Amino acid sequence: MKARSADEGWSCTLGKWGIIVADGAFCWFYPDGGEAGTFPSRCDAGLSITREQRSRIAPRQVLDLGSEPDPKHTLIIDSKLPPPNLATRLVARAAEPVKIQERLTPVSVVEPAPGTWVFDFDQNIVGFPLVNLPELPAGTTVKVAPAESLAANGTVDQASMGPGDPGTDLFNTYTTAGRPGGETWHPKFNYFGMQWVQVTGLPRGYKPSRNLITGLRVQADVPAASSFTSSSARLNRIHKMAWHSMASNIMSVFTDCPGREKLSYPADYTQPFGALARNFQFPAFLRTTAHHLVEGQSIANTSMAGNVALKTPVWRVNYHSTVASS
């Protein structure tokens, strides 16, 4: 027996030992309807599952719906990504690729606590740290933590990279192989907003130079539209600060921030677009952006038809509820 919620689109199937709630790609099982009062123990035709109720369903990796193994009632979930949007069409990317644009040497390095070294680039950038290690014993694990601000004691403060767990204790580690002449390494699958980089794990008594860390600034390789300079050091610094703020959010897509979500909210780039267009050229980049906006617009035969997504593309689990509330 199956039922479908008219307003939410979640299906409910009566299993042998409970109910199964699914949205097409992910499934959740609640024995006897879940916690008392949360779900009915039977899946009747009139069952309607609200968004609030769905949010309380906890996913699990492998679910065996009872003590008697039965292939028909064993679900493996989270084994694939959600199906693509109905508007998704595979096309070549028009926008410029993300490349390393600058290599920054720290202006200073200090030791705010024994064995804790903090490097300062004197400018907040988006990218990743390149670690330039001397020859060290094999098995030495170096921890590298980026940040946009400092705590009162001089160590890095990652609060701006939150909120909550997404911005808590962000770091990379590298374990040395003991190669003659030293080793270099940098992350390849993530990037950070950072002005400071904190390094721990170096051998006791070792004092690093500023060259231990290099800041690699990354950005989509869009052409420059203009440059600015004046006789006022203050105006030059204000322009540099604003320029870096824009450059920090021109990645594979326009982003809302280089930490936390890194998501493409149209409102966040359309409102300041006059300033963006005066500093960067976007003919190719905007073709890809427009394609994403079309993909994110619902064409399903539901009450959401024609909806323009709050953000697109989206790579967060709560995509459905976010779009529904936009």
Protein backbone atom coordinates (compact mmCIF):
# COMPACT_ATOMS: atom_id res chain seq x y z
CA MET A 1 0.00 0.00 0.00
CA LYS A 2 1.40 3.40 -0.93
CA ALA A 3 0.39 6.96 -0.16
CA ARG A 4 1.74 10.24 -1.35
CA SER A 5 1.59 13.60 0.36
CA ALA A 6 0.02 16.04 -2.07
CA ASP A 7 1.80 19.07 -0.70
CA GLU A 8 5.25 17.61 -0.04
CA GLY A 9 5.63 14.76 -2.51
CA TRP A 10 7.07 12.22 -0.06
CA SER A 11 5.91 8.64 -0.56
CA CYS A 12 5.14 6.23 2.25
CA THR A 13 5.19 2.46 1.92
CA LEU A 14 3.97 -0.08 4.46
CA GLY A 15 6.88 -2.40 5.22
CA LYS A 16 6.75 -5.74 6.98
CA TRP A 17 7.88 -4.26 10.29
CA GLY A 18 7.13 -0.55 9.90
CA ILE A 19 6.81 2.29 7.43
CA ILE A 20 9.30 3.44 4.82
CA VAL A 21 9.44 7.11 3.83
CA ALA A 22 11.16 8.00 0.57
CA ASP A 23 11.65 10.97 -1.73
CA GLY A 24 12.98 9.07 -4.74
CA ALA A 25 16.65 8.55 -3.91
CA PHE A 26 16.84 8.37 -0.13
CA CYS A 27 14.80 6.11 2.14
CA TRP A 28 14.18 6.11 5.87
CA PHE A 29 12.62 3.38 7.99
CA TYR A 30 10.62 3.90 11.18
CA PRO A 31 9.63 0.72 13.04
CA ASP A 32 5.99 0.87 14.10
CA GLY A 33 5.75 4.38 12.74
CA GLY A 34 8.64 5.80 14.72
CA GLU A 35 8.44 7.57 18.05
CA ALA A 36 5.07 7.61 19.73
CA GLY A 37 2.88 10.24 18.17
CA THR A 38 5.31 11.07 15.37
CA PHE A 39 4.01 8.79 12.65
CA PRO A 40 1.00 6.49 12.43
CA SER A 41 1.83 2.80 12.70
CA ARG A 42 -0.05 2.08 9.50
CA CYS A 43 0.36 3.59 6.05
CA ASP A 44 -3.15 4.48 5.02
CA ALA A 45 -4.16 6.17 1.80
CA GLY A 46 -4.84 9.42 3.60
CA LEU A 47 -1.41 9.68 5.23
CA SER A 48 0.23 13.08 4.82
CA ILE A 49 3.84 13.56 5.91
CA THR A 50 4.71 17.17 6.65
CA ARG A 51 8.08 18.79 6.20
CA GLU A 52 8.46 19.04 9.97
CA GLN A 53 7.80 15.32 10.39
CA ARG A 54 10.24 14.44 7.62
CA SER A 55 12.97 16.51 9.26
CA ARG A 56 12.80 14.21 12.28
CA ILE A 57 13.52 11.08 10.22
CA ALA A 58 17.10 10.01 10.80
CA PRO A 59 18.92 8.35 7.85
CA ARG A 60 20.97 5.23 8.44
CA GLN A 61 23.41 3.47 6.14
CA VAL A 62 21.97 -0.06 6.08
CA LEU A 63 18.57 -0.94 7.46
CA ASP A 64 17.35 -4.49 8.07
CA LEU A 65 13.64 -4.26 8.69
CA GLY A 66 13.46 -7.03 11.22
CA SER A 67 15.20 -10.02 12.73
CA GLU A 68 14.28 -12.25 9.81
CA PRO A 69 16.51 -11.34 6.83
CA ASP A 70 14.33 -10.67 3.83
CA PRO A 71 15.85 -9.11 0.68
CA LYS A 72 12.52 -7.52 -0.15
CA HIS A 73 12.57 -5.61 3.12
CA THR A 74 16.26 -4.67 3.38
CA LEU A 75 17.13 -1.14 2.30
CA ILE A 76 20.58 0.26 1.51
CA ILE A 77 20.31 4.04 1.58
CA ASP A 78 22.61 6.99 0.85
CA SER A 79 24.22 4.79 -1.81
CA LYS A 80 23.66 7.30 -4.62
CA LEU A 81 23.16 10.98 -5.12
CA PRO A 82 19.69 12.40 -5.65
CA PRO A 83 18.50 12.25 -9.27
CA PRO A 84 19.31 15.35 -11.33
CA ASN A 85 16.83 18.18 -11.68
CA LEU A 86 14.36 17.65 -14.52
CA ALA A 87 15.91 20.66 -16.24
CA THR A 88 19.47 19.29 -16.08
CA ARG A 89 21.23 19.09 -19.44
CA LEU A 90 24.84 18.02 -19.84
CA VAL A 91 26.74 20.81 -21.59
CA ALA A 92 30.32 22.01 -21.84
CA ARG A 93 31.32 24.60 -19.26
CA ALA A 94 31.73 28.08 -20.73
CA ALA A 95 33.12 29.78 -17.62
CA GLU A 96 36.83 30.09 -17.03
CA PRO A 97 38.50 27.45 -14.83
CA VAL A 98 39.71 28.15 -11.30
CA LYS A 99 43.48 28.70 -11.25
CA ILE A 100 46.20 29.76 -8.86
CA GLN A 101 46.43 33.53 -9.35
CA GLU A 102 49.04 34.61 -6.80
CA ARG A 103 51.66 33.20 -4.46
CA LEU A 104 52.01 35.14 -1.22
CA THR A 105 54.90 34.99 1.23
CA PRO A 106 53.89 35.73 4.83
CA VAL A 107 54.97 39.10 6.16
CA SER A 108 55.63 37.63 9.60
CA VAL A 109 55.66 34.45 11.68
CA VAL A 110 55.22 34.38 15.48
CA GLU A 111 55.04 31.70 18.18
CA PRO A 112 52.08 32.60 20.47
CA ALA A 113 52.42 29.28 22.32
CA PRO A 114 55.24 26.71 22.49
CA GLY A 115 55.30 24.74 19.23
CA THR A 116 52.48 26.81 17.68
CA TRP A 117 53.53 28.99 14.75
CA VAL A 118 51.23 31.59 13.16
CA PHE A 119 51.98 33.02 9.69
CA ASP A 120 50.41 36.31 8.53
CA PHE A 121 49.86 37.14 4.83
CA ASP A 122 48.76 40.73 5.66
CA GLN A 123 45.72 40.23 3.41
CA ASN A 124 42.69 37.98 3.58
CA ILE A 125 42.71 35.72 0.52
CA VAL A 126 40.93 32.62 -0.71
CA GLY A 127 43.01 29.60 -1.51
CA PHE A 128 45.16 27.12 0.34
CA PRO A 129 48.53 27.00 2.07
CA LEU A 130 51.54 25.45 0.37
CA VAL A 131 53.74 23.75 2.96
CA ASN A 132 57.48 23.93 2.21
CA LEU A 133 59.06 21.53 4.68
CA PRO A 134 62.78 20.98 5.17
CA GLU A 135 64.10 17.46 5.50
CA LEU A 136 62.32 16.08 8.55
CA PRO A 137 62.16 12.60 10.10
CA ALA A 138 59.73 10.28 8.37
CA GLY A 139 56.38 10.12 10.12
CA THR A 140 56.34 13.74 11.30
CA THR A 141 52.73 14.95 11.10
CA VAL A 142 52.31 18.68 10.56
CA LYS A 143 48.90 20.27 11.13
CA VAL A 144 47.97 23.39 9.14
CA ALA A 145 44.93 25.46 10.18
CA PRO A 146 43.76 28.56 8.24
CA ALA A 147 41.79 31.46 9.70
CA GLU A 148 40.47 34.92 8.90
CA SER A 149 41.11 36.34 12.38
CA LEU A 150 43.14 35.82 15.54
CA ALA A 151 42.12 35.05 19.10
CA ALA A 152 43.23 37.29 21.95
CA ASN A 153 46.12 34.94 22.73
CA GLY A 154 47.48 35.20 19.17
CA THR A 155 46.39 31.78 17.94
CA VAL A 156 43.98 31.45 15.00
CA ASP A 157 40.26 32.07 15.49
CA GLN A 158 38.05 30.21 13.00
CA ALA A 159 34.73 31.62 14.22
CA SER A 160 34.13 33.48 10.93
CA MET A 161 34.36 30.21 9.04
CA GLY A 162 31.32 28.75 10.82
CA PRO A 163 28.64 28.87 11.98
CA GLY A 164 28.74 25.71 14.06
CA ASP A 165 30.39 22.51 12.93
CA PRO A 166 31.21 23.64 9.35
CA GLY A 167 33.65 26.18 10.78
CA THR A 168 35.00 24.25 13.74
CA ASP A 169 38.58 22.99 13.79
CA LEU A 170 39.28 23.24 10.06
CA PHE A 171 42.72 21.92 9.19
CA ASN A 172 44.85 19.77 6.91
CA THR A 173 47.63 17.44 8.01
CA TYR A 174 50.68 16.23 6.17
CA THR A 175 52.84 13.31 7.29
CA THR A 176 56.39 13.44 6.01
CA ALA A 177 58.11 10.66 4.10
CA GLY A 178 61.57 11.82 5.21
CA ARG A 179 62.70 12.67 1.68
CA PRO A 180 66.20 14.15 1.28
CA GLY A 181 65.98 17.87 0.56
CA GLY A 182 62.52 18.30 2.06
CA GLU A 183 58.94 18.06 0.84
CA THR A 184 56.22 20.40 -0.43
CA TRP A 185 52.47 19.82 -0.32
CA HIS A 186 49.16 21.66 -0.54
CA PRO A 187 45.48 20.61 -0.47
CA LYS A 188 43.91 19.88 -3.85
CA PHE A 189 40.24 19.34 -3.03
CA ASN A 190 39.30 22.27 -0.81
CA TYR A 191 40.02 25.93 -0.27
CA PHE A 192 39.71 28.40 2.60
CA GLY A 193 39.36 32.05 3.39
CA MET A 194 42.53 32.94 5.25
CA GLN A 195 44.88 35.68 6.32
CA TRP A 196 46.61 33.61 8.96
CA VAL A 197 47.83 30.02 8.92
CA GLN A 198 48.70 28.16 12.11
CA VAL A 199 51.22 25.32 12.01
CA THR A 200 51.80 22.75 14.74
CA GLY A 201 53.62 19.41 14.86
CA LEU A 202 57.09 20.61 13.85
CA PRO A 203 59.99 18.99 15.72
CA ARG A 204 60.77 20.44 19.14
CA GLY A 205 63.29 23.25 18.92
CA TYR A 206 62.76 23.85 15.19
CA LYS A 207 62.16 27.53 14.34
CA PRO A 208 60.55 27.98 10.90
CA SER A 209 61.20 30.90 8.58
CA ARG A 210 58.42 32.79 6.78
CA ASN A 211 59.07 30.59 3.73
CA LEU A 212 57.69 27.50 5.44
CA ILE A 213 54.22 28.55 4.23
CA THR A 214 53.17 30.08 0.90
CA GLY A 215 49.64 31.36 0.36
CA LEU A 216 48.19 30.22 -2.98
CA ARG A 217 45.34 32.54 -3.97
CA VAL A 218 42.82 30.90 -6.28
CA GLN A 219 40.04 32.35 -8.40
CA ALA A 220 38.21 31.74 -11.65
CA ASP A 221 40.51 32.99 -14.40
CA VAL A 222 38.22 35.81 -15.55
CA PRO A 223 39.87 38.76 -17.35
CA ALA A 224 40.34 42.08 -15.57
CA ALA A 225 38.04 44.92 -16.62
CA SER A 226 39.98 47.78 -15.05
CA SER A 227 42.57 48.81 -12.51
CA PHE A 228 42.58 51.58 -9.93
CA THR A 229 45.24 53.67 -8.26
CA SER A 230 45.25 57.10 -6.68
CA SER A 231 47.43 59.46 -4.68
CA SER A 232 45.54 58.45 -1.52
CA ALA A 233 46.93 55.44 0.35
CA ARG A 234 43.60 55.09 2.15
CA LEU A 235 41.57 54.95 -1.07
CA ASN A 236 44.03 52.46 -2.53
CA ARG A 237 43.68 50.24 0.53
CA ILE A 238 39.87 50.47 0.51
CA HIS A 239 39.82 49.51 -3.16
CA LYS A 240 42.19 46.60 -2.53
CA MET A 241 39.99 45.36 0.31
CA ALA A 242 36.83 45.56 -1.85
CA TRP A 243 38.62 43.94 -4.82
CA HIS A 244 39.74 40.98 -2.72
CA SER A 245 36.24 40.60 -1.31
CA MET A 246 34.90 40.21 -4.85
CA ALA A 247 37.77 38.04 -6.08
CA SER A 248 37.33 35.74 -3.10
CA ASN A 249 33.85 34.81 -4.33
CA ILE A 250 34.54 34.28 -8.04
CA MET A 251 35.24 30.57 -8.06
CA SER A 252 33.69 27.86 -10.25
CA VAL A 253 30.49 29.82 -9.48
CA PHE A 254 29.76 33.10 -7.73
CA THR A 255 29.72 32.30 -4.02
CA ASP A 256 28.25 34.01 -0.96
CA CYS A 257 31.40 33.54 1.12
CA PRO A 258 34.69 31.61 0.95
CA GLY A 259 33.89 29.72 4.17
CA ARG A 260 30.69 28.27 5.64
CA GLU A 261 28.37 27.56 2.69
CA LYS A 262 30.32 28.57 -0.44
CA LEU A 263 26.96 28.65 -2.23
CA SER A 264 25.75 30.64 -5.23
CA TYR A 265 22.94 32.93 -4.06
CA PRO A 266 21.77 35.09 -7.01
CA ALA A 267 20.87 37.98 -4.67
CA ASP A 268 24.44 38.06 -3.38
CA TYR A 269 25.96 38.69 -6.80
CA THR A 270 23.22 40.59 -8.66
CA GLN A 271 22.97 43.43 -6.12
CA PRO A 272 26.70 44.36 -6.25
CA PHE A 273 27.08 43.46 -9.93
CA GLY A 274 27.84 47.03 -10.96
CA ALA A 275 31.05 46.88 -8.91
CA LEU A 276 31.80 43.35 -10.10
CA ALA A 277 31.49 44.31 -13.77
CA ARG A 278 33.72 47.36 -13.32
CA ASN A 279 36.53 45.17 -12.03
CA PHE A 280 36.14 41.85 -13.89
CA GLN A 281 34.87 40.67 -17.27
CA PHE A 282 32.20 37.93 -17.22
CA PRO A 283 30.97 37.17 -20.77
CA ALA A 284 31.85 33.46 -20.54
CA PHE A 285 31.29 33.17 -16.81
CA LEU A 286 27.74 34.55 -17.06
CA ARG A 287 26.79 32.00 -19.72
CA THR A 288 27.52 29.24 -17.20
CA THR A 289 25.72 31.19 -14.47
CA ALA A 290 22.61 31.56 -16.63
CA HIS A 291 22.69 27.85 -17.41
CA HIS A 292 22.76 27.06 -13.68
CA LEU A 293 19.80 29.37 -13.05
CA VAL A 294 17.77 27.56 -15.71
CA GLU A 295 18.72 24.17 -14.24
CA GLY A 296 17.67 25.35 -10.80
CA GLN A 297 14.22 26.47 -11.96
CA SER A 298 11.62 23.82 -11.31
CA ILE A 299 9.74 22.44 -14.33
CA ALA A 300 8.04 19.63 -12.42
CA ASN A 301 4.25 19.48 -12.61
CA THR A 302 3.82 20.58 -9.01
CA SER A 303 3.02 23.74 -7.08
CA MET A 304 6.74 24.54 -7.34
CA ALA A 305 6.63 24.83 -11.16
CA GLY A 306 8.45 27.94 -12.30
CA ASN A 307 10.09 28.48 -8.93
CA VAL A 308 13.48 30.19 -9.15
CA ALA A 309 15.83 28.54 -6.69
CA LEU A 310 17.12 30.54 -3.75
CA LYS A 311 20.59 29.31 -4.70
CA THR A 312 21.87 27.24 -7.59
CA PRO A 313 23.77 25.00 -8.08
CA VAL A 314 23.24 23.41 -4.67
CA TRP A 315 25.33 20.74 -2.98
CA ARG A 316 23.72 20.65 0.45
CA VAL A 317 21.55 17.85 1.86
CA ASN A 318 18.68 20.17 2.78
CA TYR A 319 18.23 21.35 -0.80
CA HIS A 320 14.56 20.37 -1.05
CA SER A 321 13.43 22.20 2.08
CA THR A 322 15.54 25.22 1.17
CA VAL A 323 13.97 25.55 -2.26
CA ALA A 324 10.50 24.91 -0.88
CA SER A 325 10.87 27.80 1.53
CA SER A 326 12.28 30.25 -0.98
